[in-house]
Amino acid sequence: MKALIVSVDLGNPDYQAHADEFAMLARGAGAQIVATVVARRARPDAAHFIGKGKLEECLLMADDGGAEIVLFDQALTPAQQRNLERAFKRRVVDRVALILDIFALRAQSHEGKLQVELAQLQHLSTRLTRMWTHLERQRGGIGMRGPGEAQLEMDRRMIGAKVRLLKERLARVQRQRATQRRSRVRGGTLSVSLVGYTNAGKSTLFNALTRSDAYAADQLFATLDTTTRRVWIEGAGQVVVSDTVGFIRDLPPTLIAAFRATLEETVQADLLLHVVDASSPQREEQVAEVQKVLADIGAAQIPTILVYNKIDEAGYEPRVERDEHGTIARVFVSALRRAGLDGLRGAIVESGQIARDNAFNIENI
């Protein structure tokens, strides 16, 4: 699908990284980018997010490039989206809807599909008026995957009933996971979750640690469904390792809420391996974004090791770094080359023993 990207620079220092990331999201959703228009503003316009002059420029670019859809790299209000669609006479998809669309495209498990559908319906419920204006033109495509046309025609009451049903189903999944976790704690099994920014190499590291074959690709949100494997690590015994969904800037709150059942694996882990792309120029900002989401889901206090991955691309050597207290803080590895994994296993044994003892003591208070 041919797409025009409207990239809005609001003066943030990480604008370029944000814009590049959005282009990757668009391509990941199947868009053929025909042109990109950059708008610089101190604050969004209340009616169209961009000014009238820039809107006219965008209209010309969309017509010249034969764009079928317009993608905004910021979150739009329902009113802004409605006004823009009237002006463009095309579907307009903002950053939130595009991320939801990619999640709908990539979700494989029944649970993952439930979570995506819940997030999409919650997002749709705020924009139902807009949807009624052009239902006859909806034929799927970017921004419209997931709930089909029949669901999009439901009124707010029907959407509310569907949301309640999905929440009940996900609550059952959550209870099942909680039962499994309690069983692991009683058995003294160490639980380790891989977290990190999307495309940091979590799945590749997961495969290297567990000798597994979970799907790994050089794309945003390659992993949506939590994958769990048991692995024997000398000194720690049986360890349960979970690969979780990656985080990203401005992750939609509805998505975080919908994926809470999946993210519970992170919240309830004994130890987190925060995987960082060591070769990324934005790695510090990405670390901060992940820490922000971890705080949002109540996982900020879980013992964490920063795992700097892709050292083969960054020019680093495998090593383990400690903080001023002698606690392991950072481990440098290449999951692809399987370099530094012995150091990481040793860090899991050392940090995990303390974390597991604390978890066991709390469970038995």
Protein backbone atom coordinates (compact mmCIF):
# COMPACT_ATOMS: atom_id res chain seq x y z
CA MET A 1 0.00 0.00 0.00
CA LYS A 2 1.46 3.37 -1.03
CA ALA A 3 1.85 5.69 1.95
CA LEU A 4 2.76 9.29 2.63
CA ILE A 5 4.52 9.81 5.95
CA VAL A 6 3.98 13.07 7.82
CA SER A 7 6.80 13.46 10.32
CA VAL A 8 6.31 16.19 12.92
CA ASP A 9 9.32 17.66 14.72
CA LEU A 10 8.14 19.18 18.00
CA GLY A 11 11.67 20.12 19.07
CA ASN A 12 12.53 16.91 20.92
CA PRO A 13 16.26 16.09 20.88
CA ASP A 14 15.60 12.51 19.78
CA TYR A 15 13.37 13.54 16.87
CA GLN A 16 15.47 11.90 14.13
CA ALA A 17 15.61 8.57 15.95
CA HIS A 18 11.85 8.79 16.49
CA ALA A 19 11.30 9.52 12.78
CA ASP A 20 13.60 6.71 11.61
CA GLU A 21 11.85 4.29 13.94
CA PHE A 22 8.46 5.28 12.56
CA ALA A 23 9.64 4.63 9.00
CA MET A 24 10.72 1.14 10.12
CA LEU A 25 7.29 0.61 11.67
CA ALA A 26 5.61 1.70 8.42
CA ARG A 27 7.69 -0.67 6.31
CA GLY A 28 7.08 -3.44 8.85
CA ALA A 29 3.34 -2.94 8.34
CA GLY A 30 3.75 -3.37 4.60
CA ALA A 31 3.74 0.27 3.52
CA GLN A 32 5.49 1.45 0.37
CA ILE A 33 6.65 4.93 1.36
CA VAL A 34 6.22 7.28 -1.60
CA ALA A 35 7.24 10.48 0.20
CA THR A 36 7.96 11.93 3.64
CA VAL A 37 6.95 15.45 4.63
CA VAL A 38 8.63 17.00 7.68
CA ALA A 39 6.70 19.61 9.66
CA ARG A 40 8.35 21.62 12.43
CA ARG A 41 6.10 23.05 15.11
CA ALA A 42 6.41 24.33 18.65
CA ARG A 43 3.07 22.71 19.50
CA PRO A 44 0.40 20.73 17.61
CA ASP A 45 -2.39 22.55 15.80
CA ALA A 46 -5.67 21.80 17.55
CA ALA A 47 -7.57 21.03 14.34
CA HIS A 48 -5.05 19.27 12.07
CA PHE A 49 -1.89 18.80 14.21
CA ILE A 50 0.03 20.52 11.36
CA GLY A 51 -0.56 24.03 9.99
CA LYS A 52 -2.64 24.90 6.93
CA GLY A 53 0.39 25.58 4.72
CA LYS A 54 2.00 22.25 5.56
CA LEU A 55 -1.36 20.51 5.10
CA GLU A 56 -1.59 21.87 1.56
CA GLU A 57 1.95 20.67 0.86
CA CYS A 58 1.02 17.21 2.15
CA LEU A 59 -2.09 17.11 -0.05
CA LEU A 60 0.02 17.83 -3.14
CA MET A 61 2.62 15.23 -2.18
CA ALA A 62 -0.07 12.62 -1.54
CA ASP A 63 -1.69 13.28 -4.94
CA ASP A 64 1.62 13.35 -6.82
CA GLY A 65 2.83 10.11 -5.24
CA GLY A 66 -0.48 8.30 -5.56
CA ALA A 67 -0.57 7.70 -1.79
CA GLU A 68 -3.47 5.55 -0.65
CA ILE A 69 -2.93 6.21 3.04
CA VAL A 70 -1.35 8.93 5.22
CA LEU A 71 0.76 7.92 8.23
CA PHE A 72 1.39 10.42 11.07
CA ASP A 73 4.34 9.72 13.34
CA GLN A 74 2.57 11.27 16.34
CA ALA A 75 -0.57 10.32 18.27
CA LEU A 76 -3.62 12.18 16.93
CA THR A 77 -6.80 13.06 18.78
CA PRO A 78 -10.06 11.68 17.31
CA ALA A 79 -10.99 15.20 16.13
CA GLN A 80 -7.61 15.76 14.43
CA GLN A 81 -7.85 12.40 12.71
CA ARG A 82 -11.38 13.09 11.50
CA ASN A 83 -10.41 16.55 10.18
CA LEU A 84 -7.33 15.19 8.41
CA GLU A 85 -9.28 12.41 6.73
CA ARG A 86 -11.80 14.93 5.44
CA ALA A 87 -8.94 17.03 4.04
CA PHE A 88 -6.95 14.17 2.52
CA LYS A 89 -9.97 12.10 1.44
CA ARG A 90 -7.82 9.14 2.48
CA ARG A 91 -7.43 7.01 5.55
CA VAL A 92 -5.14 8.60 8.16
CA VAL A 93 -3.30 6.34 10.61
CA ASP A 94 -1.36 7.71 13.58
CA ARG A 95 1.53 6.17 15.51
CA VAL A 96 -0.70 4.39 18.02
CA ALA A 97 -2.87 2.74 15.36
CA LEU A 98 0.20 1.71 13.34
CA ILE A 99 1.77 -0.05 16.35
CA LEU A 100 -1.54 -1.79 17.03
CA ASP A 101 -1.68 -2.83 13.39
CA ILE A 102 1.78 -4.42 13.53
CA PHE A 103 0.82 -6.25 16.70
CA ALA A 104 -2.27 -7.60 14.90
CA LEU A 105 -0.06 -8.69 12.02
CA ARG A 106 2.49 -10.49 14.22
CA ALA A 107 0.37 -12.05 16.98
CA GLN A 108 0.42 -15.84 16.63
CA SER A 109 -0.97 -17.35 19.81
CA HIS A 110 -4.61 -17.31 20.89
CA GLU A 111 -3.64 -15.20 23.91
CA GLY A 112 -1.67 -12.73 21.79
CA LYS A 113 -4.59 -12.29 19.40
CA LEU A 114 -6.96 -11.70 22.33
CA GLN A 115 -4.65 -9.03 23.72
CA VAL A 116 -4.31 -7.24 20.38
CA GLU A 117 -8.06 -7.35 19.76
CA LEU A 118 -8.71 -5.88 23.20
CA ALA A 119 -6.26 -3.02 22.59
CA GLN A 120 -7.72 -2.31 19.15
CA LEU A 121 -11.30 -2.25 20.42
CA GLN A 122 -10.35 0.08 23.27
CA HIS A 123 -8.64 2.37 20.76
CA LEU A 124 -11.61 2.11 18.38
CA SER A 125 -14.13 3.01 21.08
CA THR A 126 -12.70 6.56 21.28
CA ARG A 127 -12.93 6.99 17.49
CA LEU A 128 -16.22 5.34 16.68
CA THR A 129 -17.70 8.52 15.21
CA ARG A 130 -14.83 8.73 12.73
CA MET A 131 -15.22 5.10 11.74
CA TRP A 132 -18.89 5.59 10.84
CA THR A 133 -17.96 8.22 8.24
CA HIS A 134 -16.28 5.82 5.83
CA LEU A 135 -17.14 2.23 6.69
CA GLU A 136 -18.05 1.66 3.06
CA ARG A 137 -14.43 2.34 2.05
CA GLN A 138 -12.81 -0.06 4.51
CA ARG A 139 -11.25 -3.07 2.87
CA GLY A 140 -8.49 -3.97 5.33
CA GLY A 141 -4.88 -2.86 4.95
CA ILE A 142 -2.63 -0.81 7.22
CA GLY A 143 -4.39 0.35 10.34
CA MET A 144 -7.36 -1.93 9.78
CA ARG A 145 -6.02 -5.42 10.53
CA GLY A 146 -7.48 -7.31 13.45
CA PRO A 147 -11.19 -6.70 14.06
CA GLY A 148 -13.05 -7.14 10.79
CA GLU A 149 -15.74 -4.97 9.23
CA ALA A 150 -18.52 -6.61 11.24
CA GLN A 151 -16.81 -5.66 14.51
CA LEU A 152 -16.07 -2.15 13.30
CA GLU A 153 -19.80 -1.63 12.76
CA MET A 154 -20.65 -2.41 16.38
CA ASP A 155 -21.90 0.44 18.48
CA ARG A 156 -20.24 1.47 21.74
CA ARG A 157 -22.41 -0.85 23.82
CA MET A 158 -21.48 -3.88 21.74
CA ILE A 159 -17.80 -2.92 21.83
CA GLY A 160 -18.05 -2.54 25.61
CA ALA A 161 -19.54 -6.03 25.91
CA LYS A 162 -16.78 -7.45 23.74
CA VAL A 163 -14.11 -5.68 25.79
CA ARG A 164 -15.52 -7.14 29.02
CA LEU A 165 -15.51 -10.62 27.51
CA LEU A 166 -11.90 -10.31 26.34
CA LYS A 167 -10.83 -9.03 29.76
CA GLU A 168 -12.48 -12.04 31.42
CA ARG A 169 -10.66 -14.44 29.08
CA LEU A 170 -7.34 -12.72 29.70
CA ALA A 171 -7.96 -12.77 33.45
CA ARG A 172 -8.26 -16.58 33.23
CA VAL A 173 -4.93 -16.70 31.43
CA GLN A 174 -3.45 -14.47 34.12
CA ARG A 175 -4.68 -16.82 36.87
CA GLN A 176 -3.20 -19.82 35.05
CA ARG A 177 0.16 -18.06 34.79
CA ALA A 178 0.03 -17.15 38.50
CA THR A 179 -0.56 -20.81 39.42
CA GLN A 180 2.40 -21.88 37.29
CA ARG A 181 4.62 -19.21 38.87
CA ARG A 182 3.70 -20.27 42.43
CA SER A 183 4.59 -23.84 41.51
CA ARG A 184 7.98 -22.71 40.22
CA VAL A 185 8.70 -20.67 43.35
CA ARG A 186 7.84 -23.62 45.62
CA GLY A 187 10.17 -25.79 43.57
CA GLY A 188 12.97 -23.26 43.97
CA THR A 189 13.19 -22.73 40.20
CA LEU A 190 14.85 -19.47 39.16
CA SER A 191 12.70 -17.39 36.78
CA VAL A 192 14.54 -15.09 34.35
CA SER A 193 12.82 -12.74 31.86
CA LEU A 194 14.46 -11.04 28.91
CA VAL A 195 13.27 -7.47 28.45
CA GLY A 196 14.47 -4.65 26.26
CA TYR A 197 13.81 -2.30 23.41
CA THR A 198 12.35 -3.87 20.31
CA ASN A 199 14.97 -5.27 17.92
CA ALA A 200 17.68 -5.32 20.62
CA GLY A 201 18.28 -9.03 19.96
CA LYS A 202 16.28 -10.59 22.81
CA SER A 203 15.04 -13.55 20.79
CA THR A 204 18.51 -14.27 19.39
CA LEU A 205 19.91 -14.23 22.94
CA PHE A 206 17.01 -16.39 24.13
CA ASN A 207 17.81 -18.95 21.43
CA ALA A 208 21.52 -18.89 22.31
CA LEU A 209 20.86 -19.39 26.04
CA THR A 210 18.21 -22.08 25.69
CA ARG A 211 19.39 -23.72 22.44
CA SER A 212 15.92 -23.01 21.13
CA ASP A 213 14.55 -21.79 17.81
CA ALA A 214 12.16 -18.97 18.75
CA TYR A 215 11.44 -16.63 15.85
CA ALA A 216 14.08 -13.91 15.55
CA ALA A 217 14.30 -11.29 12.80
CA ASP A 218 15.80 -7.86 12.15
CA GLN A 219 12.49 -6.04 12.47
CA LEU A 220 10.47 -4.21 15.10
CA PHE A 221 8.19 -6.41 17.22
CA ALA A 222 9.37 -9.74 15.79
CA THR A 223 8.31 -11.26 19.13
CA LEU A 224 4.86 -10.66 20.61
CA ASP A 225 3.98 -13.90 22.33
CA THR A 226 5.93 -14.82 25.44
CA THR A 227 8.06 -17.92 24.89
CA THR A 228 9.28 -19.85 27.92
CA ARG A 229 11.92 -22.59 28.08
CA ARG A 230 13.66 -24.51 30.85
CA VAL A 231 17.44 -24.64 30.69
CA TRP A 232 20.07 -26.16 32.98
CA ILE A 233 22.75 -23.70 34.12
CA GLU A 234 25.59 -25.09 36.19
CA GLY A 235 25.40 -23.59 39.67
CA ALA A 236 21.77 -22.52 39.32
CA GLY A 237 20.11 -25.79 38.28
CA GLN A 238 16.88 -25.59 36.29
CA VAL A 239 16.19 -22.04 35.14
CA VAL A 240 12.98 -20.86 33.46
CA VAL A 241 13.84 -18.27 30.79
CA SER A 242 11.10 -16.14 29.16
CA ASP A 243 11.38 -14.05 26.00
CA THR A 244 8.91 -11.14 26.10
CA VAL A 245 7.56 -8.46 23.77
CA GLY A 246 9.92 -5.56 23.09
CA PHE A 247 9.22 -2.01 24.17
CA ILE A 248 9.29 1.16 22.09
CA ARG A 249 8.94 4.93 22.47
CA ASP A 250 5.39 6.06 23.20
CA LEU A 251 4.05 2.52 23.55
CA PRO A 252 0.23 2.96 23.59
CA PRO A 253 -1.19 2.71 27.14
CA THR A 254 -4.04 0.54 25.82
CA LEU A 255 -1.45 -1.91 24.50
CA ILE A 256 0.39 -2.06 27.83
CA ALA A 257 -2.92 -2.68 29.59
CA ALA A 258 -3.99 -5.36 27.12
CA PHE A 259 -0.64 -7.14 27.28
CA ARG A 260 -0.55 -7.14 31.07
CA ALA A 261 -1.14 -10.92 31.15
CA THR A 262 1.96 -11.40 29.01
CA LEU A 263 3.95 -8.79 30.89
CA GLU A 264 3.11 -10.54 34.17
CA GLU A 265 5.99 -12.89 33.30
CA THR A 266 8.22 -9.83 33.58
CA VAL A 267 6.62 -8.50 36.77
CA GLN A 268 6.89 -11.86 38.54
CA ALA A 269 10.41 -12.80 37.38
CA ASP A 270 13.19 -13.30 39.92
CA LEU A 271 15.73 -11.66 37.62
CA LEU A 272 15.51 -9.44 34.52
CA LEU A 273 18.04 -9.45 31.72
CA HIS A 274 17.63 -6.02 30.14
CA VAL A 275 18.98 -6.56 26.62
CA VAL A 276 20.49 -3.44 25.03
CA ASP A 277 21.60 -2.95 21.41
CA ALA A 278 25.21 -1.90 22.07
CA SER A 279 25.57 -0.74 18.45
CA SER A 280 22.65 1.70 18.58
CA PRO A 281 23.48 5.43 18.84
CA GLN A 282 20.23 5.82 20.83
CA ARG A 283 20.96 3.04 23.32
CA GLU A 284 20.84 5.31 26.40
CA GLU A 285 17.46 6.70 25.36
CA GLN A 286 16.22 3.18 24.64
CA VAL A 287 17.36 2.01 28.08
CA ALA A 288 15.45 4.92 29.65
CA GLU A 289 12.29 4.04 27.66
CA VAL A 290 12.41 0.42 28.82
CA GLN A 291 12.97 1.46 32.44
CA LYS A 292 9.97 3.78 32.16
CA VAL A 293 7.70 0.94 30.95
CA LEU A 294 9.07 -1.41 33.64
CA ALA A 295 8.11 1.21 36.23
CA ASP A 296 4.63 1.49 34.67
CA ILE A 297 3.99 -2.26 34.99
CA GLY A 298 5.43 -2.51 38.51
CA ALA A 299 8.70 -4.26 37.63
CA ALA A 300 11.17 -1.49 38.48
CA GLN A 301 12.32 -3.13 41.74
CA ILE A 302 13.21 -6.52 40.25
CA PRO A 303 16.98 -7.23 40.20
CA THR A 304 18.24 -6.40 36.71
CA ILE A 305 21.39 -7.04 34.70
CA LEU A 306 22.06 -4.85 31.67
CA VAL A 307 23.13 -7.13 28.83
CA TYR A 308 24.88 -5.19 26.08
CA ASN A 309 24.24 -7.28 22.96
CA LYS A 310 25.61 -6.97 19.39
CA ILE A 311 29.14 -6.19 20.63
CA ASP A 312 30.45 -7.61 17.34
CA GLU A 313 28.85 -4.61 15.61
CA ALA A 314 29.84 -2.11 18.32
CA GLY A 315 33.50 -3.15 18.57
CA TYR A 316 33.44 -4.24 22.23
CA GLU A 317 34.99 -7.31 23.81
CA PRO A 318 33.01 -9.79 25.95
CA ARG A 319 33.27 -8.83 29.62
CA VAL A 320 31.41 -8.49 32.91
CA GLU A 321 31.29 -5.11 34.69
CA ARG A 322 30.47 -4.50 38.36
CA ASP A 323 29.28 -1.39 40.17
CA GLU A 324 30.99 0.29 43.14
CA HIS A 325 29.42 -2.27 45.49
CA GLY A 326 30.82 -5.22 43.58
CA THR A 327 27.40 -6.17 42.18
CA ILE A 328 27.22 -7.27 38.55
CA ALA A 329 25.80 -4.37 36.55
CA ARG A 330 26.60 -5.00 32.88
CA VAL A 331 27.50 -7.99 30.75
CA PHE A 332 28.78 -7.58 27.18
CA VAL A 333 27.82 -10.34 24.72
CA SER A 334 27.15 -11.14 21.08
CA ALA A 335 24.15 -13.46 20.95
CA LEU A 336 24.62 -13.96 17.21
CA ARG A 337 28.30 -14.98 17.59
CA ARG A 338 27.61 -16.66 20.95
CA ALA A 339 30.43 -14.65 22.52
CA GLY A 340 30.37 -13.80 26.23
CA LEU A 341 27.61 -16.28 27.08
CA ASP A 342 29.69 -18.03 29.77
CA GLY A 343 30.06 -14.67 31.51
CA LEU A 344 26.32 -14.12 31.25
CA ARG A 345 25.56 -17.57 32.68
CA GLY A 346 27.89 -16.82 35.59
CA ALA A 347 26.11 -13.50 36.16
CA ILE A 348 22.73 -15.27 36.17
CA VAL A 349 24.01 -17.75 38.78
CA GLU A 350 25.42 -15.03 41.04
CA SER A 351 22.58 -12.51 40.74
CA GLY A 352 19.87 -15.14 40.52
CA GLN A 353 20.78 -16.84 43.77
CA ILE A 354 20.22 -13.64 45.73
CA ALA A 355 17.00 -12.86 43.81
CA ARG A 356 15.64 -16.39 44.23
CA ASP A 357 16.30 -16.39 47.96
CA ASN A 358 14.46 -13.09 48.30
CA ALA A 359 11.51 -14.35 46.24
CA PHE A 360 11.29 -17.56 48.25
CA ASN A 361 11.37 -15.68 51.55
CA ILE A 362 8.62 -13.27 50.41
CA GLU A 363 6.43 -16.17 49.18
CA ASN A 364 6.69 -17.86 52.58
CA ILE A 365 6.11 -14.86 54.84
